[in-house]
Amino acid sequence: MADLSALFPIFHDPNGWWYEPAGQHLDEDRTSTWIGRAVDRWSTDGLSYWTARRADTAEVVGVGGVQRHRSGSWNLFYRLATTWWGHGYATELAGEAIAAAHSHDDGVPVIAWIAEHNHPSRHVAERVGLRNYGPFIDASDGHLRLAYADRQLPSPSP
């Protein structure tokens, strides 16, 4: 919770939600709840999301990592402050998250669930070696998204 004041502006920035406006956090309570769930997942999953900081200044640039998805796979997540887009931080964060998932439990896929029109996020997934396996229903919310994964996924149900 110590990072709430740094993370809320990232989740609140409408420019960061251009691809899915309903995801924007309109108040700190929503961000606080999100952080609480992420913290709890460390004890249940052994991994979760973490705050990303610049190594030289400790300034918060974003948040991300992996946590167990409802499907049992690892869900890869990365969200950066828009001021830090284009500096390679999302790629670095995603790569470290995949390495952590493989180290912790390599028996399940790492999947980034990405809106089809979110080309910047798709490029990050591709840069870290994930492959687009096409549209799947994301079990976390029932939305149809592209499943970028580190290994072959079963064909989606019709």
Foldseek 3Di string as FASTA:
>chain_A
DVCLVVALVQLQDCVQCVPPNVSRDPDSVVVVVVVVVQVVQCVVFVHGKDFDADPVPRRTFWMWAWGQAPVRATETDTTGRPVCPPVCPLLVRRLVRVVVCCVRDVPHKYWYFAAPPPVVVVVSLVSSPWDWPQWEQRVVPRDTTTITINDDDPDHDD
